[in-house]
């Protein structure tokens, strides 16, 4: 395989990976906006579960328990991990927004991590641009 063909293969993989990252970020941002718009606000209770992880570590995702408007009790693992800056301590109440059609889809208010979704969009766009440049120069 000569240099031009190898560059094209790299460009295709870079472009495909960039497209996936870009679309992932867009879907995440859209889901955050949708849950803010149609989500039902409720107070949830943090229930820590220790599974071979020390209590209070940054990577743990505690269980969130809340009651829907229909009176159903739902327990779901937090979509965001607990951190030192924003701890999800056992027994603490947090504000949630859940999807009325699927209460397992929820948003922990104030911890949406939009920056992560925007990072996916930006890095995906940069990777696709790099793939185009690489394909043109190959």
C-alpha atoms as a PDB file:
ATOM      1  CA  UNK A   1       0.000   0.000   0.000  1.00  0.00           C
ATOM      2  CA  UNK A   2       1.501   3.345  -0.995  1.00  0.00           C
ATOM      3  CA  UNK A   3       1.393   6.553   1.073  1.00  0.00           C
ATOM      4  CA  UNK A   4      -1.666   8.001  -0.672  1.00  0.00           C
ATOM      5  CA  UNK A   5      -3.784   4.901  -0.150  1.00  0.00           C
ATOM      6  CA  UNK A   6      -2.738   4.646   3.479  1.00  0.00           C
ATOM      7  CA  UNK A   7      -3.629   8.307   4.007  1.00  0.00           C
ATOM      8  CA  UNK A   8      -7.067   7.691   2.493  1.00  0.00           C
ATOM      9  CA  UNK A   9      -7.672   4.743   4.815  1.00  0.00           C
ATOM     10  CA  UNK A  10      -6.683   6.873   7.807  1.00  0.00           C
ATOM     11  CA  UNK A  11      -8.894   9.715   6.514  1.00  0.00           C
ATOM     12  CA  UNK A  12     -11.899   7.383   6.217  1.00  0.00           C
ATOM     13  CA  UNK A  13     -11.456   6.032   9.751  1.00  0.00           C
ATOM     14  CA  UNK A  14     -10.840   9.522  11.152  1.00  0.00           C
ATOM     15  CA  UNK A  15     -13.900  10.883   9.349  1.00  0.00           C
ATOM     16  CA  UNK A  16     -16.117   8.021  10.503  1.00  0.00           C
ATOM     17  CA  UNK A  17     -14.941   8.323  14.107  1.00  0.00           C
ATOM     18  CA  UNK A  18     -15.425  12.081  13.985  1.00  0.00           C
ATOM     19  CA  UNK A  19     -18.933  11.669  12.601  1.00  0.00           C
ATOM     20  CA  UNK A  20     -19.834   9.250  15.406  1.00  0.00           C
ATOM     21  CA  UNK A  21     -18.475  11.629  18.080  1.00  0.00           C
ATOM     22  CA  UNK A  22     -20.296  14.577  16.502  1.00  0.00           C
ATOM     23  CA  UNK A  23     -23.614  12.734  16.349  1.00  0.00           C
ATOM     24  CA  UNK A  24     -23.207  11.407  19.895  1.00  0.00           C
ATOM     25  CA  UNK A  25     -22.713  14.945  21.190  1.00  0.00           C
ATOM     26  CA  UNK A  26     -25.717  16.249  19.261  1.00  0.00           C
ATOM     27  CA  UNK A  27     -27.961  13.475  20.575  1.00  0.00           C
ATOM     28  CA  UNK A  28     -26.786  14.122  24.141  1.00  0.00           C
ATOM     29  CA  UNK A  29     -27.455  17.861  23.876  1.00  0.00           C
ATOM     30  CA  UNK A  30     -30.870  17.202  22.340  1.00  0.00           C
ATOM     31  CA  UNK A  31     -31.763  14.808  25.171  1.00  0.00           C
ATOM     32  CA  UNK A  32     -30.751  17.376  27.797  1.00  0.00           C
ATOM     33  CA  UNK A  33     -32.902  20.055  26.127  1.00  0.00           C
ATOM     34  CA  UNK A  34     -35.821  17.622  25.773  1.00  0.00           C
ATOM     35  CA  UNK A  35     -35.738  16.585  29.434  1.00  0.00           C
ATOM     36  CA  UNK A  36     -35.539  20.220  30.526  1.00  0.00           C
ATOM     37  CA  UNK A  37     -38.584  20.999  28.383  1.00  0.00           C
ATOM     38  CA  UNK A  38     -40.887  18.013  28.990  1.00  0.00           C
ATOM     39  CA  UNK A  39     -39.360  16.402  32.088  1.00  0.00           C
ATOM     40  CA  UNK A  40     -41.380  16.276  35.268  1.00  0.00           C
ATOM     41  CA  UNK A  41     -39.539  17.921  38.168  1.00  0.00           C
ATOM     42  CA  UNK A  42     -39.328  15.913  41.369  1.00  0.00           C
ATOM     43  CA  UNK A  43     -37.150  15.568  44.453  1.00  0.00           C
ATOM     44  CA  UNK A  44     -35.169  12.352  44.560  1.00  0.00           C
ATOM     45  CA  UNK A  45     -33.331  10.600  47.354  1.00  0.00           C
ATOM     46  CA  UNK A  46     -29.705   9.480  46.950  1.00  0.00           C
ATOM     47  CA  UNK A  47     -29.114   5.894  48.028  1.00  0.00           C
ATOM     48  CA  UNK A  48     -25.440   4.900  47.913  1.00  0.00           C
ATOM     49  CA  UNK A  49     -24.611   1.334  47.045  1.00  0.00           C
ATOM     50  CA  UNK A  50     -21.111   0.126  47.825  1.00  0.00           C
ATOM     51  CA  UNK A  51     -19.879  -2.491  45.371  1.00  0.00           C
ATOM     52  CA  UNK A  52     -16.146  -3.027  45.784  1.00  0.00           C
ATOM     53  CA  UNK A  53     -15.787   0.753  45.613  1.00  0.00           C
ATOM     54  CA  UNK A  54     -14.831   2.912  48.557  1.00  0.00           C
ATOM     55  CA  UNK A  55     -17.614   5.192  49.684  1.00  0.00           C
ATOM     56  CA  UNK A  56     -17.342   8.715  48.330  1.00  0.00           C
ATOM     57  CA  UNK A  57     -15.037   8.017  45.418  1.00  0.00           C
ATOM     58  CA  UNK A  58     -15.410  10.177  42.331  1.00  0.00           C
ATOM     59  CA  UNK A  59     -16.370   7.297  40.049  1.00  0.00           C
ATOM     60  CA  UNK A  60     -19.325   5.898  41.988  1.00  0.00           C
ATOM     61  CA  UNK A  61     -22.832   6.257  40.613  1.00  0.00           C
ATOM     62  CA  UNK A  62     -25.346   6.101  43.448  1.00  0.00           C
ATOM     63  CA  UNK A  63     -28.886   4.891  43.204  1.00  0.00           C
ATOM     64  CA  UNK A  64     -31.554   7.600  42.928  1.00  0.00           C
ATOM     65  CA  UNK A  65     -35.020   6.906  44.291  1.00  0.00           C
ATOM     66  CA  UNK A  66     -38.066   9.008  43.475  1.00  0.00           C
ATOM     67  CA  UNK A  67     -41.816   8.789  43.126  1.00  0.00           C
ATOM     68  CA  UNK A  68     -43.581   9.511  39.821  1.00  0.00           C
ATOM     69  CA  UNK A  69     -46.809  11.496  39.515  1.00  0.00           C
ATOM     70  CA  UNK A  70     -48.645   8.169  39.279  1.00  0.00           C
ATOM     71  CA  UNK A  71     -47.231   7.180  42.679  1.00  0.00           C
ATOM     72  CA  UNK A  72     -44.811   4.574  41.333  1.00  0.00           C
ATOM     73  CA  UNK A  73     -41.471   4.342  43.182  1.00  0.00           C
ATOM     74  CA  UNK A  74     -38.547   4.285  40.746  1.00  0.00           C
ATOM     75  CA  UNK A  75     -34.923   3.449  41.529  1.00  0.00           C
ATOM     76  CA  UNK A  76     -32.342   4.287  38.879  1.00  0.00           C
ATOM     77  CA  UNK A  77     -28.578   4.606  38.907  1.00  0.00           C
ATOM     78  CA  UNK A  78     -27.511   8.231  38.585  1.00  0.00           C
ATOM     79  CA  UNK A  79     -26.669   9.312  35.019  1.00  0.00           C
ATOM     80  CA  UNK A  80     -23.742  11.300  36.462  1.00  0.00           C
ATOM     81  CA  UNK A  81     -21.141  10.155  38.976  1.00  0.00           C
ATOM     82  CA  UNK A  82     -20.655  11.683  42.377  1.00  0.00           C
ATOM     83  CA  UNK A  83     -17.658  13.998  42.620  1.00  0.00           C
ATOM     84  CA  UNK A  84     -15.797  15.882  45.306  1.00  0.00           C
ATOM     85  CA  UNK A  85     -17.099  19.194  43.973  1.00  0.00           C
ATOM     86  CA  UNK A  86     -20.694  17.954  43.652  1.00  0.00           C
ATOM     87  CA  UNK A  87     -21.117  14.983  45.989  1.00  0.00           C
ATOM     88  CA  UNK A  88     -24.175  12.794  45.856  1.00  0.00           C
ATOM     89  CA  UNK A  89     -24.108  11.791  49.511  1.00  0.00           C
ATOM     90  CA  UNK A  90     -26.294   9.002  50.872  1.00  0.00           C
ATOM     91  CA  UNK A  91     -29.616  10.346  52.154  1.00  0.00           C
ATOM     92  CA  UNK A  92     -29.317  13.674  50.340  1.00  0.00           C
ATOM     93  CA  UNK A  93     -32.195  15.013  48.279  1.00  0.00           C
ATOM     94  CA  UNK A  94     -31.532  16.148  44.705  1.00  0.00           C
ATOM     95  CA  UNK A  95     -33.715  17.799  42.089  1.00  0.00           C
ATOM     96  CA  UNK A  96     -34.481  15.556  39.131  1.00  0.00           C
ATOM     97  CA  UNK A  97     -36.394  15.809  35.886  1.00  0.00           C
ATOM     98  CA  UNK A  98     -37.687  12.509  34.555  1.00  0.00           C
ATOM     99  CA  UNK A  99     -39.366  11.576  31.305  1.00  0.00           C
ATOM    100  CA  UNK A 100     -43.071  10.924  32.049  1.00  0.00           C
ATOM    101  CA  UNK A 101     -43.156   8.201  29.366  1.00  0.00           C
ATOM    102  CA  UNK A 102     -40.000   6.456  30.627  1.00  0.00           C
ATOM    103  CA  UNK A 103     -39.087   7.438  34.212  1.00  0.00           C
ATOM    104  CA  UNK A 104     -35.740   5.643  33.914  1.00  0.00           C
ATOM    105  CA  UNK A 105     -34.557   8.504  31.675  1.00  0.00           C
ATOM    106  CA  UNK A 106     -33.757  11.387  33.941  1.00  0.00           C
ATOM    107  CA  UNK A 107     -31.668  14.461  34.418  1.00  0.00           C
ATOM    108  CA  UNK A 108     -30.029  15.508  37.680  1.00  0.00           C
ATOM    109  CA  UNK A 109     -30.547  19.275  37.698  1.00  0.00           C
ATOM    110  CA  UNK A 110     -27.325  21.241  37.933  1.00  0.00           C
ATOM    111  CA  UNK A 111     -25.223  18.250  36.824  1.00  0.00           C
ATOM    112  CA  UNK A 112     -26.155  18.010  33.153  1.00  0.00           C
ATOM    113  CA  UNK A 113     -22.510  17.962  31.974  1.00  0.00           C
ATOM    114  CA  UNK A 114     -23.273  19.850  28.780  1.00  0.00           C
ATOM    115  CA  UNK A 115     -19.576  20.591  28.471  1.00  0.00           C
ATOM    116  CA  UNK A 116     -18.964  16.908  27.789  1.00  0.00           C
ATOM    117  CA  UNK A 117     -21.544  16.813  24.998  1.00  0.00           C
ATOM    118  CA  UNK A 118     -20.100  20.001  23.509  1.00  0.00           C
ATOM    119  CA  UNK A 119     -16.639  18.449  23.696  1.00  0.00           C
ATOM    120  CA  UNK A 120     -17.922  15.504  21.665  1.00  0.00           C
ATOM    121  CA  UNK A 121     -19.424  17.851  19.071  1.00  0.00           C
ATOM    122  CA  UNK A 122     -16.244  19.934  18.822  1.00  0.00           C
ATOM    123  CA  UNK A 123     -13.821  17.025  18.680  1.00  0.00           C
ATOM    124  CA  UNK A 124     -16.012  15.232  16.158  1.00  0.00           C
ATOM    125  CA  UNK A 125     -16.143  18.288  13.921  1.00  0.00           C
ATOM    126  CA  UNK A 126     -12.361  18.711  14.225  1.00  0.00           C
ATOM    127  CA  UNK A 127     -11.783  15.051  13.344  1.00  0.00           C
ATOM    128  CA  UNK A 128     -14.053  15.300  10.291  1.00  0.00           C
ATOM    129  CA  UNK A 129     -12.257  18.466   9.170  1.00  0.00           C
ATOM    130  CA  UNK A 130      -8.914  16.716   9.645  1.00  0.00           C
ATOM    131  CA  UNK A 131     -10.168  13.777   7.583  1.00  0.00           C
ATOM    132  CA  UNK A 132     -11.201  16.093   4.750  1.00  0.00           C
ATOM    133  CA  UNK A 133      -7.827  17.850   4.799  1.00  0.00           C
ATOM    134  CA  UNK A 134      -6.010  14.504   4.867  1.00  0.00           C
ATOM    135  CA  UNK A 135      -8.097  13.177   1.964  1.00  0.00           C
ATOM    136  CA  UNK A 136      -7.450  16.306  -0.124  1.00  0.00           C
ATOM    137  CA  UNK A 137      -3.706  16.206   0.525  1.00  0.00           C
ATOM    138  CA  UNK A 138      -3.427  12.442  -0.142  1.00  0.00           C
END
